[in-house]
Amino acid sequence: MRNLSDRTDEELIALIIEQDNRQALTCLISRYRKTCRRVLYGLCSGNINLMDDAEQEIFIALKKALLKFRSESSFSTFFYRFVRNRGLDLVRKHRRRSREISVSAFKDSDGELISKIAGPEEQMLRKEELMVLWNILDSMKEEESTMIILKDIEGLSLQEISMIMNKPVGTVKSRLHRARRKAVLLGREAIK
């Protein structure tokens, strides 16, 4: 009997759906965890707590989502799209909740505004170059940073990105080109 880690994504998915094999689900999750975190980092603007919550919710929902996987594309393409869409939903939900909480968090029991006590800032990345890169991606529109992450960090093809973003390949190509130019300009400004 073959080890689970030696099986293809499709074989693991079949075991998960047909036999409710939890080890196969764990293997699939561990295979794609880093990818999930990279995509979520861009969507969550580096908010580690939000990223952790989103990652947990995504992997909980993954088993149910696998029932919709039809093998028309690779699992990795399906997974990127799933993480992106689910991540966007969770980020929007978090922002709505944050806006509601932010006003009430500054008031005491009498309705008076109180001062906010800020904790120490977390150092997101140790290497200065990566910090600059992520700051640039954070300052860009979500679609722009997602395309750059998928193409230049994850190494996906334009066709795969097209499927994930649900846009024609030509549109992806032109928007990616513009996003890269914008990133270069932002990088030059950051260096000055």
N, C-alpha and C. Protein backbone atom coordinates (compact mmCIF):
# COMPACT_ATOMS: atom_id res chain seq x y z
N MET A 1 0.84 -1.18 0.00
CA MET A 1 0.00 0.00 0.00
C MET A 1 0.88 1.25 0.00
N ARG A 2 0.57 2.19 -0.90
CA ARG A 2 1.36 3.41 -1.04
C ARG A 2 1.12 4.37 0.12
N ASN A 3 2.17 5.08 0.45
CA ASN A 3 2.10 6.11 1.48
C ASN A 3 1.20 7.24 0.97
N LEU A 4 0.45 7.88 1.85
CA LEU A 4 -0.45 8.96 1.43
C LEU A 4 0.30 10.11 0.79
N SER A 5 1.49 10.42 1.30
CA SER A 5 2.25 11.55 0.76
C SER A 5 2.72 11.29 -0.68
N ASP A 6 2.72 10.04 -1.12
CA ASP A 6 3.12 9.70 -2.48
C ASP A 6 1.95 9.76 -3.47
N ARG A 7 0.76 9.94 -2.96
CA ARG A 7 -0.43 9.95 -3.83
C ARG A 7 -0.65 11.32 -4.45
N THR A 8 -1.33 11.32 -5.58
CA THR A 8 -1.65 12.58 -6.26
C THR A 8 -2.77 13.30 -5.50
N ASP A 9 -2.96 14.55 -5.83
CA ASP A 9 -4.04 15.32 -5.22
C ASP A 9 -5.38 14.64 -5.49
N GLU A 10 -5.57 14.20 -6.72
CA GLU A 10 -6.84 13.58 -7.10
C GLU A 10 -7.09 12.28 -6.34
N GLU A 11 -6.04 11.51 -6.10
CA GLU A 11 -6.18 10.27 -5.31
C GLU A 11 -6.55 10.60 -3.86
N LEU A 12 -5.93 11.62 -3.31
CA LEU A 12 -6.25 12.02 -1.94
C LEU A 12 -7.70 12.51 -1.85
N ILE A 13 -8.12 13.28 -2.85
CA ILE A 13 -9.49 13.79 -2.86
C ILE A 13 -10.49 12.63 -2.93
N ALA A 14 -10.19 11.65 -3.74
CA ALA A 14 -11.08 10.48 -3.84
C ALA A 14 -11.18 9.77 -2.49
N LEU A 15 -10.06 9.61 -1.80
CA LEU A 15 -10.09 8.98 -0.46
C LEU A 15 -10.91 9.81 0.53
N ILE A 16 -10.79 11.11 0.44
CA ILE A 16 -11.51 11.99 1.35
C ILE A 16 -13.02 11.90 1.09
N ILE A 17 -13.41 11.96 -0.16
CA ILE A 17 -14.83 11.97 -0.51
C ILE A 17 -15.46 10.59 -0.33
N GLU A 18 -14.79 9.56 -0.84
CA GLU A 18 -15.38 8.22 -0.85
C GLU A 18 -15.27 7.49 0.49
N GLN A 19 -14.16 7.73 1.21
CA GLN A 19 -13.93 6.96 2.44
C GLN A 19 -13.86 7.82 3.70
N ASP A 20 -14.07 9.13 3.55
CA ASP A 20 -13.97 10.06 4.68
C ASP A 20 -12.64 9.88 5.41
N ASN A 21 -11.57 9.75 4.62
CA ASN A 21 -10.23 9.50 5.16
C ASN A 21 -9.62 10.79 5.68
N ARG A 22 -9.52 10.90 7.00
CA ARG A 22 -9.00 12.12 7.63
C ARG A 22 -7.50 12.28 7.41
N GLN A 23 -6.77 11.18 7.33
CA GLN A 23 -5.33 11.28 7.08
C GLN A 23 -5.07 11.85 5.68
N ALA A 24 -5.90 11.49 4.73
CA ALA A 24 -5.76 12.03 3.37
C ALA A 24 -6.04 13.53 3.37
N LEU A 25 -7.04 13.97 4.14
CA LEU A 25 -7.34 15.39 4.25
C LEU A 25 -6.17 16.13 4.91
N THR A 26 -5.61 15.55 5.96
CA THR A 26 -4.45 16.15 6.63
C THR A 26 -3.27 16.27 5.67
N CYS A 27 -3.06 15.25 4.86
CA CYS A 27 -1.96 15.26 3.88
C CYS A 27 -2.18 16.36 2.84
N LEU A 28 -3.40 16.49 2.35
CA LEU A 28 -3.72 17.52 1.36
C LEU A 28 -3.55 18.92 1.96
N ILE A 29 -3.99 19.09 3.18
CA ILE A 29 -3.85 20.39 3.86
C ILE A 29 -2.38 20.74 4.05
N SER A 30 -1.59 19.79 4.51
CA SER A 30 -0.17 20.09 4.73
C SER A 30 0.55 20.39 3.41
N ARG A 31 0.10 19.80 2.33
CA ARG A 31 0.69 20.03 1.02
C ARG A 31 0.45 21.47 0.54
N TYR A 32 -0.68 22.05 0.91
CA TYR A 32 -1.07 23.37 0.41
C TYR A 32 -1.08 24.46 1.48
N ARG A 33 -0.63 24.18 2.68
CA ARG A 33 -0.67 25.17 3.78
C ARG A 33 0.15 26.42 3.46
N LYS A 34 1.37 26.27 2.97
CA LYS A 34 2.21 27.45 2.68
C LYS A 34 1.58 28.31 1.59
N THR A 35 1.04 27.67 0.58
CA THR A 35 0.38 28.39 -0.50
C THR A 35 -0.80 29.19 0.05
N CYS A 36 -1.58 28.57 0.88
CA CYS A 36 -2.74 29.22 1.48
C CYS A 36 -2.30 30.45 2.26
N ARG A 37 -1.26 30.32 3.05
CA ARG A 37 -0.78 31.44 3.87
C ARG A 37 -0.25 32.59 3.02
N ARG A 38 0.41 32.27 1.93
CA ARG A 38 0.91 33.35 1.06
C ARG A 38 -0.23 34.13 0.42
N VAL A 39 -1.25 33.42 -0.05
CA VAL A 39 -2.39 34.10 -0.66
C VAL A 39 -3.13 34.92 0.41
N LEU A 40 -3.31 34.33 1.58
CA LEU A 40 -4.01 35.04 2.65
C LEU A 40 -3.23 36.25 3.15
N TYR A 41 -1.91 36.16 3.14
CA TYR A 41 -1.11 37.30 3.58
C TYR A 41 -1.43 38.53 2.75
N GLY A 42 -1.51 38.34 1.45
CA GLY A 42 -1.85 39.45 0.57
C GLY A 42 -3.26 39.96 0.80
N LEU A 43 -4.20 39.06 1.01
CA LEU A 43 -5.59 39.46 1.22
C LEU A 43 -5.79 40.14 2.57
N CYS A 44 -5.06 39.67 3.58
CA CYS A 44 -5.24 40.16 4.95
C CYS A 44 -4.31 41.31 5.29
N SER A 45 -3.60 41.82 4.31
CA SER A 45 -2.66 42.94 4.51
C SER A 45 -1.69 42.68 5.65
N GLY A 46 -1.26 41.44 5.77
CA GLY A 46 -0.25 41.11 6.77
C GLY A 46 -0.78 40.93 8.18
N ASN A 47 -2.09 41.03 8.40
CA ASN A 47 -2.67 40.85 9.73
C ASN A 47 -2.61 39.36 10.09
N ILE A 48 -1.64 39.00 10.93
CA ILE A 48 -1.40 37.59 11.24
C ILE A 48 -2.60 36.94 11.93
N ASN A 49 -3.24 37.63 12.85
CA ASN A 49 -4.40 37.06 13.54
C ASN A 49 -5.53 36.77 12.57
N LEU A 50 -5.81 37.71 11.68
CA LEU A 50 -6.84 37.50 10.68
C LEU A 50 -6.45 36.36 9.74
N MET A 51 -5.18 36.31 9.37
CA MET A 51 -4.68 35.24 8.51
C MET A 51 -4.90 33.87 9.16
N ASP A 52 -4.55 33.75 10.43
CA ASP A 52 -4.71 32.49 11.15
C ASP A 52 -6.18 32.07 11.21
N ASP A 53 -7.05 33.03 11.51
CA ASP A 53 -8.48 32.73 11.57
C ASP A 53 -9.01 32.30 10.20
N ALA A 54 -8.60 33.03 9.17
CA ALA A 54 -9.05 32.72 7.81
C ALA A 54 -8.54 31.34 7.38
N GLU A 55 -7.28 31.06 7.68
CA GLU A 55 -6.71 29.77 7.31
C GLU A 55 -7.49 28.63 7.97
N GLN A 56 -7.79 28.79 9.23
CA GLN A 56 -8.54 27.75 9.95
C GLN A 56 -9.92 27.55 9.33
N GLU A 57 -10.62 28.65 9.05
CA GLU A 57 -11.95 28.53 8.46
C GLU A 57 -11.89 27.92 7.06
N ILE A 58 -10.87 28.26 6.31
CA ILE A 58 -10.72 27.71 4.96
C ILE A 58 -10.50 26.21 5.00
N PHE A 59 -9.64 25.74 5.87
CA PHE A 59 -9.38 24.31 5.92
C PHE A 59 -10.55 23.52 6.51
N ILE A 60 -11.33 24.16 7.37
CA ILE A 60 -12.54 23.51 7.86
C ILE A 60 -13.55 23.36 6.73
N ALA A 61 -13.66 24.39 5.89
CA ALA A 61 -14.62 24.37 4.78
C ALA A 61 -14.13 23.57 3.59
N LEU A 62 -12.84 23.22 3.57
CA LEU A 62 -12.27 22.55 2.40
C LEU A 62 -12.93 21.21 2.10
N LYS A 63 -13.19 20.42 3.12
CA LYS A 63 -13.77 19.09 2.89
C LYS A 63 -15.09 19.19 2.13
N LYS A 64 -15.94 20.13 2.54
CA LYS A 64 -17.22 20.33 1.86
C LYS A 64 -16.99 20.85 0.44
N ALA A 65 -16.01 21.73 0.28
CA ALA A 65 -15.72 22.31 -1.03
C ALA A 65 -15.21 21.26 -2.01
N LEU A 66 -14.56 20.23 -1.50
CA LEU A 66 -14.02 19.18 -2.38
C LEU A 66 -15.12 18.47 -3.16
N LEU A 67 -16.34 18.48 -2.63
CA LEU A 67 -17.46 17.87 -3.35
C LEU A 67 -17.76 18.60 -4.65
N LYS A 68 -17.35 19.87 -4.74
CA LYS A 68 -17.58 20.67 -5.95
C LYS A 68 -16.43 20.55 -6.95
N PHE A 69 -15.33 19.92 -6.54
CA PHE A 69 -14.18 19.80 -7.44
C PHE A 69 -14.50 18.76 -8.50
N ARG A 70 -14.39 19.19 -9.78
CA ARG A 70 -14.78 18.31 -10.89
C ARG A 70 -13.61 17.89 -11.76
N SER A 71 -12.41 18.18 -11.38
CA SER A 71 -11.21 17.81 -12.13
C SER A 71 -11.15 18.44 -13.52
N GLU A 72 -11.92 19.53 -13.75
CA GLU A 72 -11.84 20.25 -15.02
C GLU A 72 -10.53 21.04 -15.10
N SER A 73 -10.01 21.39 -13.95
CA SER A 73 -8.71 22.05 -13.86
C SER A 73 -7.92 21.29 -12.80
N SER A 74 -6.69 21.71 -12.59
CA SER A 74 -5.91 21.04 -11.56
C SER A 74 -6.45 21.42 -10.20
N PHE A 75 -6.18 20.59 -9.20
CA PHE A 75 -6.64 20.91 -7.86
C PHE A 75 -6.02 22.20 -7.36
N SER A 76 -4.76 22.45 -7.73
CA SER A 76 -4.10 23.67 -7.25
C SER A 76 -4.84 24.91 -7.73
N THR A 77 -5.33 24.90 -8.96
CA THR A 77 -6.11 26.02 -9.49
C THR A 77 -7.42 26.17 -8.71
N PHE A 78 -8.09 25.07 -8.49
CA PHE A 78 -9.33 25.07 -7.69
C PHE A 78 -9.05 25.61 -6.30
N PHE A 79 -7.95 25.16 -5.70
CA PHE A 79 -7.60 25.56 -4.34
C PHE A 79 -7.29 27.06 -4.26
N TYR A 80 -6.50 27.58 -5.20
CA TYR A 80 -6.20 29.02 -5.22
C TYR A 80 -7.49 29.83 -5.28
N ARG A 81 -8.37 29.44 -6.19
CA ARG A 81 -9.64 30.17 -6.34
C ARG A 81 -10.46 30.08 -5.05
N PHE A 82 -10.50 28.89 -4.47
CA PHE A 82 -11.25 28.69 -3.22
C PHE A 82 -10.68 29.56 -2.10
N VAL A 83 -9.36 29.56 -1.93
CA VAL A 83 -8.72 30.36 -0.88
C VAL A 83 -8.96 31.85 -1.13
N ARG A 84 -8.80 32.27 -2.36
CA ARG A 84 -8.99 33.68 -2.68
C ARG A 84 -10.41 34.12 -2.40
N ASN A 85 -11.39 33.38 -2.92
CA ASN A 85 -12.79 33.77 -2.74
C ASN A 85 -13.21 33.71 -1.27
N ARG A 86 -12.86 32.62 -0.62
CA ARG A 86 -13.22 32.46 0.80
C ARG A 86 -12.48 33.49 1.65
N GLY A 87 -11.22 33.73 1.33
CA GLY A 87 -10.43 34.71 2.06
C GLY A 87 -11.01 36.11 1.91
N LEU A 88 -11.41 36.48 0.70
CA LEU A 88 -12.03 37.79 0.49
C LEU A 88 -13.31 37.94 1.31
N ASP A 89 -14.12 36.89 1.33
CA ASP A 89 -15.35 36.93 2.13
C ASP A 89 -15.03 37.14 3.61
N LEU A 90 -14.05 36.43 4.11
CA LEU A 90 -13.70 36.54 5.52
C LEU A 90 -13.09 37.91 5.85
N VAL A 91 -12.29 38.45 4.95
CA VAL A 91 -11.71 39.78 5.17
C VAL A 91 -12.81 40.84 5.19
N ARG A 92 -13.74 40.75 4.26
CA ARG A 92 -14.86 41.71 4.23
C ARG A 92 -15.68 41.63 5.53
N LYS A 93 -15.95 40.41 5.95
CA LYS A 93 -16.70 40.20 7.19
C LYS A 93 -15.94 40.80 8.38
N HIS A 94 -14.63 40.59 8.41
CA HIS A 94 -13.80 41.13 9.49
C HIS A 94 -13.82 42.66 9.48
N ARG A 95 -13.73 43.26 8.31
CA ARG A 95 -13.73 44.72 8.21
C ARG A 95 -15.06 45.31 8.70
N ARG A 96 -16.17 44.67 8.33
CA ARG A 96 -17.48 45.13 8.80
C ARG A 96 -17.55 45.06 10.32
N ARG A 97 -17.10 43.94 10.87
CA ARG A 97 -17.11 43.74 12.32
C ARG A 97 -16.19 44.74 13.01
N SER A 98 -15.02 44.99 12.41
CA SER A 98 -14.05 45.93 12.99
C SER A 98 -14.61 47.35 13.04
N ARG A 99 -15.32 47.73 11.98
CA ARG A 99 -15.91 49.08 11.97
C ARG A 99 -16.94 49.22 13.08
N GLU A 100 -17.73 48.17 13.28
CA GLU A 100 -18.76 48.21 14.33
C GLU A 100 -18.12 48.26 15.71
N ILE A 101 -17.07 47.47 15.91
CA ILE A 101 -16.42 47.39 17.20
C ILE A 101 -15.59 48.63 17.49
N SER A 102 -14.97 49.21 16.45
CA SER A 102 -14.02 50.30 16.67
C SER A 102 -14.64 51.49 17.39
N VAL A 103 -15.87 51.83 17.09
CA VAL A 103 -16.51 52.95 17.76
C VAL A 103 -16.81 52.60 19.20
N SER A 104 -17.37 51.42 19.45
CA SER A 104 -17.71 51.05 20.82
C SER A 104 -16.48 50.77 21.67
N ALA A 105 -15.37 50.39 21.07
CA ALA A 105 -14.16 50.08 21.84
C ALA A 105 -13.55 51.31 22.48
N PHE A 106 -13.86 52.49 21.95
CA PHE A 106 -13.29 53.72 22.49
C PHE A 106 -14.18 54.39 23.53
N LYS A 107 -15.27 53.76 23.87
CA LYS A 107 -16.18 54.37 24.84
C LYS A 107 -16.21 53.56 26.12
N ASP A 108 -16.31 54.25 27.24
CA ASP A 108 -16.46 53.55 28.51
C ASP A 108 -17.95 53.35 28.77
N SER A 109 -18.32 52.93 29.96
CA SER A 109 -19.71 52.61 30.26
C SER A 109 -20.62 53.84 30.19
N ASP A 110 -20.07 55.05 30.37
CA ASP A 110 -20.87 56.27 30.28
C ASP A 110 -20.94 56.82 28.87
N GLY A 111 -20.34 56.16 27.93
CA GLY A 111 -20.36 56.63 26.55
C GLY A 111 -19.26 57.63 26.25
N GLU A 112 -18.36 57.88 27.19
CA GLU A 112 -17.26 58.81 26.98
C GLU A 112 -16.15 58.11 26.20
N LEU A 113 -15.46 58.86 25.36
CA LEU A 113 -14.34 58.30 24.62
C LEU A 113 -13.18 58.07 25.57
N ILE A 114 -12.54 56.92 25.43
CA ILE A 114 -11.36 56.61 26.24
C ILE A 114 -10.18 56.41 25.32
N SER A 115 -8.98 56.53 25.85
CA SER A 115 -7.80 56.41 25.01
C SER A 115 -7.53 54.95 24.68
N LYS A 116 -7.01 54.76 23.53
CA LYS A 116 -6.66 53.41 23.08
C LYS A 116 -5.22 53.14 23.50
N ILE A 117 -4.99 51.99 24.11
CA ILE A 117 -3.65 51.60 24.53
C ILE A 117 -3.12 50.62 23.49
N ALA A 118 -2.09 51.04 22.79
CA ALA A 118 -1.52 50.21 21.73
C ALA A 118 -0.42 49.32 22.29
N GLY A 119 -0.42 48.10 21.86
CA GLY A 119 0.63 47.16 22.26
C GLY A 119 1.83 47.31 21.33
N PRO A 120 2.90 46.60 21.60
CA PRO A 120 4.08 46.70 20.73
C PRO A 120 3.77 46.13 19.34
N GLU A 121 4.33 46.78 18.35
CA GLU A 121 4.12 46.32 16.97
C GLU A 121 4.88 45.03 16.73
N GLU A 122 4.24 44.14 15.99
CA GLU A 122 4.90 42.88 15.66
C GLU A 122 5.80 43.08 14.44
N GLN A 123 6.95 42.47 14.49
CA GLN A 123 7.83 42.53 13.32
C GLN A 123 7.36 41.43 12.38
N MET A 124 6.84 41.82 11.21
CA MET A 124 6.25 40.85 10.29
C MET A 124 7.29 40.00 9.58
N LEU A 125 8.29 40.63 9.09
CA LEU A 125 9.29 39.87 8.34
C LEU A 125 10.67 40.29 8.81
N ARG A 126 11.59 39.36 8.91
CA ARG A 126 12.92 39.67 9.43
C ARG A 126 13.81 40.33 8.40
N LYS A 127 13.69 39.94 7.20
CA LYS A 127 14.56 40.50 6.17
C LYS A 127 13.95 41.78 5.62
N GLU A 128 14.75 42.80 5.53
CA GLU A 128 14.29 44.12 5.09
C GLU A 128 13.74 44.08 3.67
N GLU A 129 14.34 43.32 2.79
CA GLU A 129 13.88 43.24 1.41
C GLU A 129 12.47 42.68 1.34
N LEU A 130 12.19 41.63 2.12
CA LEU A 130 10.85 41.05 2.11
C LEU A 130 9.83 42.02 2.69
N MET A 131 10.25 42.78 3.70
CA MET A 131 9.34 43.75 4.29
C MET A 131 8.95 44.80 3.25
N VAL A 132 9.93 45.26 2.49
CA VAL A 132 9.64 46.25 1.45
C VAL A 132 8.70 45.65 0.41
N LEU A 133 8.97 44.42 -0.01
CA LEU A 133 8.11 43.75 -0.99
C LEU A 133 6.68 43.66 -0.50
N TRP A 134 6.50 43.17 0.72
CA TRP A 134 5.14 43.01 1.23
C TRP A 134 4.47 44.35 1.45
N ASN A 135 5.22 45.37 1.84
CA ASN A 135 4.64 46.71 1.99
C ASN A 135 4.15 47.23 0.64
N ILE A 136 4.91 46.96 -0.38
CA ILE A 136 4.49 47.36 -1.73
C ILE A 136 3.21 46.63 -2.11
N LEU A 137 3.19 45.32 -1.89
CA LEU A 137 1.99 44.54 -2.23
C LEU A 137 0.79 44.98 -1.40
N ASP A 138 1.03 45.32 -0.14
CA ASP A 138 -0.06 45.79 0.71
C ASP A 138 -0.66 47.10 0.22
N SER A 139 0.16 47.94 -0.37
CA SER A 139 -0.33 49.25 -0.81
C SER A 139 -1.04 49.18 -2.15
N MET A 140 -0.98 48.03 -2.78
CA MET A 140 -1.62 47.87 -4.08
C MET A 140 -3.06 47.37 -3.91
N LYS A 141 -3.83 47.47 -4.98
CA LYS A 141 -5.18 46.92 -4.97
C LYS A 141 -5.08 45.41 -4.80
N GLU A 142 -6.11 44.83 -4.23
CA GLU A 142 -6.12 43.38 -3.94
C GLU A 142 -5.88 42.56 -5.20
N GLU A 143 -6.55 42.91 -6.31
CA GLU A 143 -6.40 42.15 -7.54
C GLU A 143 -4.96 42.21 -8.06
N GLU A 144 -4.35 43.40 -7.97
CA GLU A 144 -2.98 43.57 -8.45
C GLU A 144 -2.01 42.72 -7.63
N SER A 145 -2.11 42.81 -6.31
CA SER A 145 -1.18 42.05 -5.47
C SER A 145 -1.41 40.55 -5.61
N THR A 146 -2.66 40.14 -5.76
CA THR A 146 -2.96 38.71 -5.93
C THR A 146 -2.32 38.18 -7.21
N MET A 147 -2.43 38.94 -8.30
CA MET A 147 -1.84 38.50 -9.57
C MET A 147 -0.32 38.37 -9.45
N ILE A 148 0.31 39.34 -8.81
CA ILE A 148 1.77 39.28 -8.64
C ILE A 148 2.16 38.09 -7.77
N ILE A 149 1.43 37.85 -6.69
CA ILE A 149 1.73 36.72 -5.82
C ILE A 149 1.58 35.40 -6.58
N LEU A 150 0.47 35.26 -7.30
CA LEU A 150 0.22 34.02 -8.03
C LEU A 150 1.25 33.77 -9.13
N LYS A 151 1.64 34.82 -9.86
CA LYS A 151 2.57 34.64 -10.98
C LYS A 151 4.02 34.60 -10.52
N ASP A 152 4.44 35.60 -9.76
CA ASP A 152 5.86 35.76 -9.47
C ASP A 152 6.32 35.03 -8.21
N ILE A 153 5.44 34.77 -7.27
CA ILE A 153 5.85 34.05 -6.06
C ILE A 153 5.44 32.58 -6.16
N GLU A 154 4.20 32.33 -6.58
CA GLU A 154 3.73 30.95 -6.70
C GLU A 154 4.13 30.30 -8.02
N GLY A 155 4.44 31.10 -9.04
CA GLY A 155 4.90 30.55 -10.31
C GLY A 155 3.81 29.97 -11.19
N LEU A 156 2.57 30.42 -11.03
CA LEU A 156 1.48 29.90 -11.86
C LEU A 156 1.54 30.47 -13.27
N SER A 157 0.96 29.75 -14.19
CA SER A 157 0.90 30.23 -15.57
C SER A 157 -0.23 31.25 -15.71
N LEU A 158 -0.20 32.00 -16.81
CA LEU A 158 -1.27 32.97 -17.06
C LEU A 158 -2.63 32.27 -17.18
N GLN A 159 -2.63 31.08 -17.77
CA GLN A 159 -3.87 30.33 -17.91
C GLN A 159 -4.44 29.94 -16.55
N GLU A 160 -3.58 29.51 -15.64
CA GLU A 160 -4.04 29.14 -14.30
C GLU A 160 -4.57 30.36 -13.56
N ILE A 161 -3.87 31.48 -13.68
CA ILE A 161 -4.32 32.71 -13.03
C ILE A 161 -5.65 33.15 -13.63
N SER A 162 -5.79 32.99 -14.93
CA SER A 162 -7.03 33.33 -15.61
C SER A 162 -8.20 32.54 -15.03
N MET A 163 -7.98 31.27 -14.79
CA MET A 163 -9.04 30.43 -14.22
C MET A 163 -9.34 30.83 -12.79
N ILE A 164 -8.31 31.13 -12.01
CA ILE A 164 -8.49 31.50 -10.61
C ILE A 164 -9.24 32.83 -10.50
N MET A 165 -8.81 33.80 -11.30
CA MET A 165 -9.37 35.15 -11.24
C MET A 165 -10.66 35.27 -12.05
N ASN A 166 -10.97 34.25 -12.83
CA ASN A 166 -12.17 34.23 -13.66
C ASN A 166 -12.17 35.40 -14.65
N LYS A 167 -11.02 35.57 -15.31
CA LYS A 167 -10.84 36.63 -16.30
C LYS A 167 -10.13 36.04 -17.51
N PRO A 168 -10.34 36.61 -18.70
CA PRO A 168 -9.64 36.13 -19.89
C PRO A 168 -8.12 36.27 -19.74
N VAL A 169 -7.37 35.41 -20.40
CA VAL A 169 -5.91 35.41 -20.31
C VAL A 169 -5.33 36.76 -20.72
N GLY A 170 -5.87 37.36 -21.78
CA GLY A 170 -5.37 38.66 -22.23
C GLY A 170 -5.54 39.73 -21.17
N THR A 171 -6.66 39.70 -20.47
CA THR A 171 -6.92 40.66 -19.40
C THR A 171 -5.92 40.45 -18.26
N VAL A 172 -5.70 39.19 -17.92
CA VAL A 172 -4.73 38.87 -16.85
C VAL A 172 -3.35 39.36 -17.25
N LYS A 173 -2.97 39.11 -18.49
CA LYS A 173 -1.64 39.51 -18.95
C LYS A 173 -1.45 41.03 -18.87
N SER A 174 -2.43 41.78 -19.36
CA SER A 174 -2.29 43.24 -19.35
C SER A 174 -2.35 43.80 -17.93
N ARG A 175 -3.23 43.26 -17.10
CA ARG A 175 -3.33 43.75 -15.71
C ARG A 175 -2.10 43.37 -14.89
N LEU A 176 -1.56 42.21 -15.16
CA LEU A 176 -0.33 41.80 -14.47
C LEU A 176 0.82 42.73 -14.86
N HIS A 177 0.90 43.06 -16.13
CA HIS A 177 1.95 43.97 -16.59
C HIS A 177 1.83 45.32 -15.89
N ARG A 178 0.61 45.85 -15.83
CA ARG A 178 0.40 47.14 -15.15
C ARG A 178 0.70 47.04 -13.66
N ALA A 179 0.32 45.92 -13.04
CA ALA A 179 0.57 45.73 -11.61
C ALA A 179 2.08 45.67 -11.33
N ARG A 180 2.81 45.00 -12.19
CA ARG A 180 4.27 44.93 -12.02
C ARG A 180 4.91 46.31 -12.17
N ARG A 181 4.45 47.08 -13.16
CA ARG A 181 4.98 48.44 -13.34
C ARG A 181 4.68 49.29 -12.12
N LYS A 182 3.49 49.17 -11.60
CA LYS A 182 3.11 49.91 -10.40
C LYS A 182 3.98 49.50 -9.21
N ALA A 183 4.24 48.20 -9.07
CA ALA A 183 5.08 47.71 -7.97
C ALA A 183 6.50 48.27 -8.08
N VAL A 184 7.02 48.34 -9.29
CA VAL A 184 8.37 48.89 -9.49
C VAL A 184 8.39 50.37 -9.08
N LEU A 185 7.38 51.13 -9.49
CA LEU A 185 7.31 52.55 -9.13
C LEU A 185 7.19 52.72 -7.62
N LEU A 186 6.37 51.90 -6.98
CA LEU A 186 6.23 51.97 -5.53
C LEU A 186 7.54 51.59 -4.84
N GLY A 187 8.24 50.62 -5.42
CA GLY A 187 9.54 50.21 -4.86
C GLY A 187 10.56 51.33 -4.95
N ARG A 188 10.56 52.05 -6.05
CA ARG A 188 11.48 53.17 -6.20
C ARG A 188 11.18 54.26 -5.19
N GLU A 189 9.89 54.50 -4.96
CA GLU A 189 9.51 55.51 -3.95
C GLU A 189 9.92 55.07 -2.55
N ALA A 190 9.81 53.78 -2.28
CA ALA A 190 10.17 53.27 -0.95
C ALA A 190 11.65 53.39 -0.67
N ILE A 191 12.46 53.29 -1.74
CA ILE A 191 13.92 53.36 -1.59
C ILE A 191 14.37 54.79 -1.32
N LYS A 192 13.66 55.76 -1.90
CA LYS A 192 14.06 57.18 -1.76
C LYS A 192 14.03 57.65 -0.35
